[in-house]
């Protein structure tokens, strides 16, 4: 799953639309967190498509680096 649109960001919390790179399904997810751990570990390893049930790593896809709104370690 890759983030295609961020919505309602308040500090580091945000909602997002994510697209499955395998089947093209779009899911809406709440409770996302804008830090390196979320983008580098949670998105590729734990977020599954609701249609095909696969993660990005299960599909063998290397995702692009997503920039965070605030620098790492910045207190919001």
PDB file of N, CA and C in Angstrom:
ATOM      1  N   UNK A   1       0.848  -1.174   0.000  1.00  0.00           N
ATOM      2  CA  UNK A   1       0.000   0.000   0.000  1.00  0.00           C
ATOM      3  C   UNK A   1       0.892   1.235   0.000  1.00  0.00           C
ATOM      4  N   UNK A   2       0.503   2.208  -0.770  1.00  0.00           N
ATOM      5  CA  UNK A   2       1.233   3.470  -0.776  1.00  0.00           C
ATOM      6  C   UNK A   2       0.247   4.608  -0.521  1.00  0.00           C
ATOM      7  N   UNK A   3       0.736   5.626   0.149  1.00  0.00           N
ATOM      8  CA  UNK A   3      -0.104   6.774   0.472  1.00  0.00           C
ATOM      9  C   UNK A   3      -0.265   7.614  -0.785  1.00  0.00           C
ATOM     10  N   UNK A   4      -1.520   7.844  -1.173  1.00  0.00           N
ATOM     11  CA  UNK A   4      -1.763   8.680  -2.346  1.00  0.00           C
ATOM     12  C   UNK A   4      -2.331  10.042  -1.965  1.00  0.00           C
ATOM     13  N   UNK A   5      -2.935  10.147  -0.753  1.00  0.00           N
ATOM     14  CA  UNK A   5      -3.487  11.422  -0.327  1.00  0.00           C
ATOM     15  C   UNK A   5      -3.562  11.468   1.197  1.00  0.00           C
ATOM     16  N   UNK A   6      -3.019  12.539   1.779  1.00  0.00           N
ATOM     17  CA  UNK A   6      -3.126  12.779   3.228  1.00  0.00           C
ATOM     18  C   UNK A   6      -4.274  13.740   3.482  1.00  0.00           C
ATOM     19  N   UNK A   7      -4.999  13.494   4.577  1.00  0.00           N
ATOM     20  CA  UNK A   7      -6.107  14.368   4.941  1.00  0.00           C
ATOM     21  C   UNK A   7      -6.098  14.598   6.445  1.00  0.00           C
ATOM     22  N   UNK A   8      -6.635  15.700   6.850  1.00  0.00           N
ATOM     23  CA  UNK A   8      -6.878  15.994   8.265  1.00  0.00           C
ATOM     24  C   UNK A   8      -5.638  15.845   9.139  1.00  0.00           C
ATOM     25  N   UNK A   9      -4.498  16.331   8.689  1.00  0.00           N
ATOM     26  CA  UNK A   9      -3.299  16.194   9.519  1.00  0.00           C
ATOM     27  C   UNK A   9      -3.324  17.218  10.641  1.00  0.00           C
ATOM     28  N   UNK A  10      -3.123  16.724  11.864  1.00  0.00           N
ATOM     29  CA  UNK A  10      -2.995  17.563  13.047  1.00  0.00           C
ATOM     30  C   UNK A  10      -1.750  17.091  13.784  1.00  0.00           C
ATOM     31  N   UNK A  11      -0.753  17.935  13.828  1.00  0.00           N
ATOM     32  CA  UNK A  11       0.562  17.583  14.343  1.00  0.00           C
ATOM     33  C   UNK A  11       1.089  16.407  13.540  1.00  0.00           C
ATOM     34  N   UNK A  12       1.299  15.256  14.145  1.00  0.00           N
ATOM     35  CA  UNK A  12       1.808  14.108  13.378  1.00  0.00           C
ATOM     36  C   UNK A  12       0.720  13.085  13.024  1.00  0.00           C
ATOM     37  N   UNK A  13      -0.477  13.251  13.547  1.00  0.00           N
ATOM     38  CA  UNK A  13      -1.574  12.328  13.248  1.00  0.00           C
ATOM     39  C   UNK A  13      -2.279  12.757  11.965  1.00  0.00           C
ATOM     40  N   UNK A  14      -2.621  11.781  11.122  1.00  0.00           N
ATOM     41  CA  UNK A  14      -3.350  12.105   9.896  1.00  0.00           C
ATOM     42  C   UNK A  14      -4.151  10.908   9.410  1.00  0.00           C
ATOM     43  N   UNK A  15      -5.092  11.171   8.523  1.00  0.00           N
ATOM     44  CA  UNK A  15      -5.853  10.149   7.817  1.00  0.00           C
ATOM     45  C   UNK A  15      -5.313  10.115   6.393  1.00  0.00           C
ATOM     46  N   UNK A  16      -5.471   8.972   5.729  1.00  0.00           N
ATOM     47  CA  UNK A  16      -4.917   8.878   4.375  1.00  0.00           C
ATOM     48  C   UNK A  16      -5.699   7.904   3.514  1.00  0.00           C
ATOM     49  N   UNK A  17      -5.630   8.137   2.208  1.00  0.00           N
ATOM     50  CA  UNK A  17      -6.073   7.160   1.223  1.00  0.00           C
ATOM     51  C   UNK A  17      -4.819   6.427   0.767  1.00  0.00           C
ATOM     52  N   UNK A  18      -4.878   5.092   0.783  1.00  0.00           N
ATOM     53  CA  UNK A  18      -3.741   4.273   0.374  1.00  0.00           C
ATOM     54  C   UNK A  18      -4.161   3.391  -0.793  1.00  0.00           C
ATOM     55  N   UNK A  19      -3.262   3.231  -1.754  1.00  0.00           N
ATOM     56  CA  UNK A  19      -3.540   2.414  -2.927  1.00  0.00           C
ATOM     57  C   UNK A  19      -2.671   1.167  -2.899  1.00  0.00           C
ATOM     58  N   UNK A  20      -3.270   0.023  -3.163  1.00  0.00           N
ATOM     59  CA  UNK A  20      -2.535  -1.236  -3.240  1.00  0.00           C
ATOM     60  C   UNK A  20      -1.779  -1.291  -4.563  1.00  0.00           C
ATOM     61  N   UNK A  21      -0.468  -1.529  -4.489  1.00  0.00           N
ATOM     62  CA  UNK A  21       0.330  -1.624  -5.710  1.00  0.00           C
ATOM     63  C   UNK A  21       0.056  -2.909  -6.479  1.00  0.00           C
ATOM     64  N   UNK A  22      -0.576  -3.883  -5.823  1.00  0.00           N
ATOM     65  CA  UNK A  22      -0.868  -5.148  -6.488  1.00  0.00           C
ATOM     66  C   UNK A  22      -2.162  -5.128  -7.275  1.00  0.00           C
ATOM     67  N   UNK A  23      -3.266  -4.772  -6.610  1.00  0.00           N
ATOM     68  CA  UNK A  23      -4.570  -4.857  -7.272  1.00  0.00           C
ATOM     69  C   UNK A  23      -5.181  -3.496  -7.585  1.00  0.00           C
ATOM     70  N   UNK A  24      -4.600  -2.405  -7.072  1.00  0.00           N
ATOM     71  CA  UNK A  24      -5.108  -1.071  -7.370  1.00  0.00           C
ATOM     72  C   UNK A  24      -6.246  -0.608  -6.474  1.00  0.00           C
ATOM     73  N   UNK A  25      -6.616  -1.424  -5.490  1.00  0.00           N
ATOM     74  CA  UNK A  25      -7.687  -1.061  -4.569  1.00  0.00           C
ATOM     75  C   UNK A  25      -7.266   0.144  -3.717  1.00  0.00           C
ATOM     76  N   UNK A  26      -8.218   1.031  -3.422  1.00  0.00           N
ATOM     77  CA  UNK A  26      -7.945   2.195  -2.580  1.00  0.00           C
ATOM     78  C   UNK A  26      -8.682   2.041  -1.263  1.00  0.00           C
ATOM     79  N   UNK A  27      -7.941   2.131  -0.164  1.00  0.00           N
ATOM     80  CA  UNK A  27      -8.502   2.049   1.193  1.00  0.00           C
ATOM     81  C   UNK A  27      -8.315   3.377   1.894  1.00  0.00           C
ATOM     82  N   UNK A  28      -9.268   3.744   2.752  1.00  0.00           N
ATOM     83  CA  UNK A  28      -9.130   4.924   3.604  1.00  0.00           C
ATOM     84  C   UNK A  28      -8.690   4.439   4.977  1.00  0.00           C
ATOM     85  N   UNK A  29      -7.656   5.050   5.529  1.00  0.00           N
ATOM     86  CA  UNK A  29      -7.134   4.634   6.828  1.00  0.00           C
ATOM     87  C   UNK A  29      -7.039   5.834   7.759  1.00  0.00           C
ATOM     88  N   UNK A  30      -7.534   5.652   8.966  1.00  0.00           N
ATOM     89  CA  UNK A  30      -7.398   6.676   9.990  1.00  0.00           C
ATOM     90  C   UNK A  30      -6.313   6.240  10.967  1.00  0.00           C
ATOM     91  N   UNK A  31      -5.822   7.165  11.756  1.00  0.00           N
ATOM     92  CA  UNK A  31      -4.830   6.819  12.767  1.00  0.00           C
ATOM     93  C   UNK A  31      -3.429   6.638  12.237  1.00  0.00           C
ATOM     94  N   UNK A  32      -3.086   7.280  11.131  1.00  0.00           N
ATOM     95  CA  UNK A  32      -1.715   7.225  10.613  1.00  0.00           C
ATOM     96  C   UNK A  32      -0.853   8.185  11.421  1.00  0.00           C
ATOM     97  N   UNK A  33       0.450   7.948  11.437  1.00  0.00           N
ATOM     98  CA  UNK A  33       1.369   8.773  12.215  1.00  0.00           C
ATOM     99  C   UNK A  33       2.548   9.161  11.335  1.00  0.00           C
ATOM    100  N   UNK A  34       2.840  10.449  11.277  1.00  0.00           N
ATOM    101  CA  UNK A  34       3.839  10.976  10.356  1.00  0.00           C
ATOM    102  C   UNK A  34       5.237  10.977  10.974  1.00  0.00           C
ATOM    103  N   UNK A  35       5.863   9.794  11.026  1.00  0.00           N
ATOM    104  CA  UNK A  35       7.262   9.696  11.453  1.00  0.00           C
ATOM    105  C   UNK A  35       7.955   8.621  10.620  1.00  0.00           C
ATOM    106  N   UNK A  36       9.270   8.518  10.734  1.00  0.00           N
ATOM    107  CA  UNK A  36      10.036   7.570   9.924  1.00  0.00           C
ATOM    108  C   UNK A  36       9.600   6.134  10.177  1.00  0.00           C
ATOM    109  N   UNK A  37       9.350   5.776  11.440  1.00  0.00           N
ATOM    110  CA  UNK A  37       8.968   4.396  11.746  1.00  0.00           C
ATOM    111  C   UNK A  37       7.687   4.012  11.000  1.00  0.00           C
ATOM    112  N   UNK A  38       6.696   4.873  11.027  1.00  0.00           N
ATOM    113  CA  UNK A  38       5.435   4.564  10.347  1.00  0.00           C
ATOM    114  C   UNK A  38       5.662   4.369   8.849  1.00  0.00           C
ATOM    115  N   UNK A  39       6.377   5.305   8.216  1.00  0.00           N
ATOM    116  CA  UNK A  39       6.572   5.241   6.764  1.00  0.00           C
ATOM    117  C   UNK A  39       7.508   4.109   6.337  1.00  0.00           C
ATOM    118  N   UNK A  40       8.535   3.814   7.155  1.00  0.00           N
ATOM    119  CA  UNK A  40       9.535   2.812   6.764  1.00  0.00           C
ATOM    120  C   UNK A  40       9.223   1.396   7.229  1.00  0.00           C
ATOM    121  N   UNK A  41       8.463   1.245   8.300  1.00  0.00           N
ATOM    122  CA  UNK A  41       8.192  -0.085   8.857  1.00  0.00           C
ATOM    123  C   UNK A  41       6.715  -0.477   8.802  1.00  0.00           C
ATOM    124  N   UNK A  42       5.841   0.392   9.272  1.00  0.00           N
ATOM    125  CA  UNK A  42       4.416   0.035   9.368  1.00  0.00           C
ATOM    126  C   UNK A  42       3.777  -0.090   7.986  1.00  0.00           C
ATOM    127  N   UNK A  43       3.959   0.904   7.140  1.00  0.00           N
ATOM    128  CA  UNK A  43       3.308   0.870   5.819  1.00  0.00           C
ATOM    129  C   UNK A  43       3.728  -0.366   5.011  1.00  0.00           C
ATOM    130  N   UNK A  44       5.017  -0.652   4.830  1.00  0.00           N
ATOM    131  CA  UNK A  44       5.358  -1.817   3.996  1.00  0.00           C
ATOM    132  C   UNK A  44       5.146  -3.179   4.658  1.00  0.00           C
ATOM    133  N   UNK A  45       5.214  -3.249   5.984  1.00  0.00           N
ATOM    134  CA  UNK A  45       5.164  -4.550   6.655  1.00  0.00           C
ATOM    135  C   UNK A  45       3.815  -4.915   7.259  1.00  0.00           C
ATOM    136  N   UNK A  46       3.009  -3.932   7.654  1.00  0.00           N
ATOM    137  CA  UNK A  46       1.813  -4.231   8.438  1.00  0.00           C
ATOM    138  C   UNK A  46       0.490  -3.827   7.799  1.00  0.00           C
ATOM    139  N   UNK A  47       0.500  -2.849   6.921  1.00  0.00           N
ATOM    140  CA  UNK A  47      -0.772  -2.414   6.336  1.00  0.00           C
ATOM    141  C   UNK A  47      -1.120  -3.323   5.160  1.00  0.00           C
ATOM    142  N   UNK A  48      -2.242  -4.020   5.301  1.00  0.00           N
ATOM    143  CA  UNK A  48      -2.712  -4.975   4.286  1.00  0.00           C
ATOM    144  C   UNK A  48      -3.862  -4.387   3.483  1.00  0.00           C
ATOM    145  N   UNK A  49      -3.919  -4.744   2.243  1.00  0.00           N
ATOM    146  CA  UNK A  49      -5.021  -4.347   1.370  1.00  0.00           C
ATOM    147  C   UNK A  49      -6.285  -5.070   1.820  1.00  0.00           C
ATOM    148  N   UNK A  50      -7.400  -4.361   1.840  1.00  0.00           N
ATOM    149  CA  UNK A  50      -8.660  -4.995   2.262  1.00  0.00           C
ATOM    150  C   UNK A  50      -9.218  -5.920   1.182  1.00  0.00           C
ATOM    151  N   UNK A  51      -8.750  -5.770  -0.049  1.00  0.00           N
ATOM    152  CA  UNK A  51      -9.251  -6.597  -1.148  1.00  0.00           C
ATOM    153  C   UNK A  51      -8.414  -7.861  -1.354  1.00  0.00           C
ATOM    154  N   UNK A  52      -7.090  -7.706  -1.561  1.00  0.00           N
ATOM    155  CA  UNK A  52      -6.245  -8.874  -1.847  1.00  0.00           C
ATOM    156  C   UNK A  52      -5.522  -9.403  -0.602  1.00  0.00           C
ATOM    157  N   UNK A  53      -5.463  -8.603   0.473  1.00  0.00           N
ATOM    158  CA  UNK A  53      -4.861  -9.057   1.723  1.00  0.00           C
ATOM    159  C   UNK A  53      -3.342  -9.062   1.749  1.00  0.00           C
ATOM    160  N   UNK A  54      -2.700  -8.434   0.784  1.00  0.00           N
ATOM    161  CA  UNK A  54      -1.231  -8.438   0.707  1.00  0.00           C
ATOM    162  C   UNK A  54      -0.640  -7.128   1.240  1.00  0.00           C
ATOM    163  N   UNK A  55       0.591  -7.234   1.779  1.00  0.00           N
ATOM    164  CA  UNK A  55       1.349  -6.046   2.154  1.00  0.00           C
ATOM    165  C   UNK A  55       2.305  -5.715   1.016  1.00  0.00           C
ATOM    166  N   UNK A  56       2.930  -4.544   1.088  1.00  0.00           N
ATOM    167  CA  UNK A  56       3.894  -4.149   0.054  1.00  0.00           C
ATOM    168  C   UNK A  56       5.056  -5.138   0.008  1.00  0.00           C
ATOM    169  N   UNK A  57       5.560  -5.561   1.162  1.00  0.00           N
ATOM    170  CA  UNK A  57       6.683  -6.499   1.186  1.00  0.00           C
ATOM    171  C   UNK A  57       6.299  -7.866   0.636  1.00  0.00           C
ATOM    172  N   UNK A  58       5.087  -8.314   0.880  1.00  0.00           N
ATOM    173  CA  UNK A  58       4.639  -9.599   0.319  1.00  0.00           C
ATOM    174  C   UNK A  58       4.571  -9.545  -1.208  1.00  0.00           C
ATOM    175  N   UNK A  59       4.307  -8.363  -1.750  1.00  0.00           N
ATOM    176  CA  UNK A  59       4.273  -8.197  -3.198  1.00  0.00           C
ATOM    177  C   UNK A  59       5.668  -8.022  -3.788  1.00  0.00           C
ATOM    178  N   UNK A  60       6.673  -7.816  -2.920  1.00  0.00           N
ATOM    179  CA  UNK A  60       8.045  -7.642  -3.388  1.00  0.00           C
ATOM    180  C   UNK A  60       8.315  -6.278  -4.000  1.00  0.00           C
ATOM    181  N   UNK A  61       7.565  -5.283  -3.562  1.00  0.00           N
ATOM    182  CA  UNK A  61       7.695  -3.935  -4.114  1.00  0.00           C
ATOM    183  C   UNK A  61       8.479  -3.058  -3.150  1.00  0.00           C
ATOM    184  N   UNK A  62       9.495  -2.381  -3.671  1.00  0.00           N
ATOM    185  CA  UNK A  62      10.264  -1.429  -2.870  1.00  0.00           C
ATOM    186  C   UNK A  62       9.608  -0.071  -3.044  1.00  0.00           C
ATOM    187  N   UNK A  63       9.128   0.497  -1.949  1.00  0.00           N
ATOM    188  CA  UNK A  63       8.441   1.785  -2.015  1.00  0.00           C
ATOM    189  C   UNK A  63       9.388   2.961  -2.034  1.00  0.00           C
ATOM    190  N   UNK A  64       8.869   4.086  -2.487  1.00  0.00           N
ATOM    191  CA  UNK A  64       9.654   5.318  -2.489  1.00  0.00           C
ATOM    192  C   UNK A  64       9.667   5.919  -1.084  1.00  0.00           C
ATOM    193  N   UNK A  65      10.661   6.755  -0.813  1.00  0.00           N
ATOM    194  CA  UNK A  65      10.778   7.398   0.494  1.00  0.00           C
ATOM    195  C   UNK A  65       9.751   8.522   0.590  1.00  0.00           C
ATOM    196  N   UNK A  66       8.936   8.480   1.640  1.00  0.00           N
ATOM    197  CA  UNK A  66       7.931   9.503   1.883  1.00  0.00           C
ATOM    198  C   UNK A  66       8.486  10.481   2.911  1.00  0.00           C
ATOM    199  N   UNK A  67       8.483  11.758   2.580  1.00  0.00           N
ATOM    200  CA  UNK A  67       8.976  12.773   3.505  1.00  0.00           C
ATOM    201  C   UNK A  67       7.927  13.067   4.571  1.00  0.00           C
ATOM    202  N   UNK A  68       8.412  13.319   5.781  1.00  0.00           N
ATOM    203  CA  UNK A  68       7.522  13.697   6.873  1.00  0.00           C
ATOM    204  C   UNK A  68       7.353  15.209   6.860  1.00  0.00           C
ATOM    205  N   UNK A  69       6.263  15.682   7.457  1.00  0.00           N
ATOM    206  CA  UNK A  69       5.987  17.112   7.499  1.00  0.00           C
ATOM    207  C   UNK A  69       6.983  17.833   8.395  1.00  0.00           C
ATOM    208  N   UNK A  70       7.362  17.196   9.511  1.00  0.00           N
ATOM    209  CA  UNK A  70       8.306  17.775  10.460  1.00  0.00           C
ATOM    210  C   UNK A  70       9.564  16.915  10.487  1.00  0.00           C
ATOM    211  N   UNK A  71      10.740  17.527  10.711  1.00  0.00           N
ATOM    212  CA  UNK A  71      11.969  16.728  10.789  1.00  0.00           C
ATOM    213  C   UNK A  71      11.941  15.755  11.964  1.00  0.00           C
ATOM    214  N   UNK A  72      12.641  14.651  11.817  1.00  0.00           N
ATOM    215  CA  UNK A  72      12.708  13.640  12.869  1.00  0.00           C
ATOM    216  C   UNK A  72      13.296  14.255  14.150  1.00  0.00           C
ATOM    217  N   UNK A  73      12.660  13.992  15.283  1.00  0.00           N
ATOM    218  CA  UNK A  73      13.102  14.538  16.561  1.00  0.00           C
ATOM    219  C   UNK A  73      12.524  15.894  16.897  1.00  0.00           C
ATOM    220  N   UNK A  74      11.815  16.516  15.954  1.00  0.00           N
ATOM    221  CA  UNK A  74      11.210  17.827  16.182  1.00  0.00           C
ATOM    222  C   UNK A  74       9.991  17.665  17.080  1.00  0.00           C
ATOM    223  N   UNK A  75       9.946  18.429  18.152  1.00  0.00           N
ATOM    224  CA  UNK A  75       8.814  18.356  19.100  1.00  0.00           C
ATOM    225  C   UNK A  75       7.686  19.228  18.590  1.00  0.00           C
ATOM    226  N   UNK A  76       6.530  18.626  18.335  1.00  0.00           N
ATOM    227  CA  UNK A  76       5.377  19.364  17.822  1.00  0.00           C
ATOM    228  C   UNK A  76       4.432  19.680  18.953  1.00  0.00           C
TER     229      UNK A  76
END
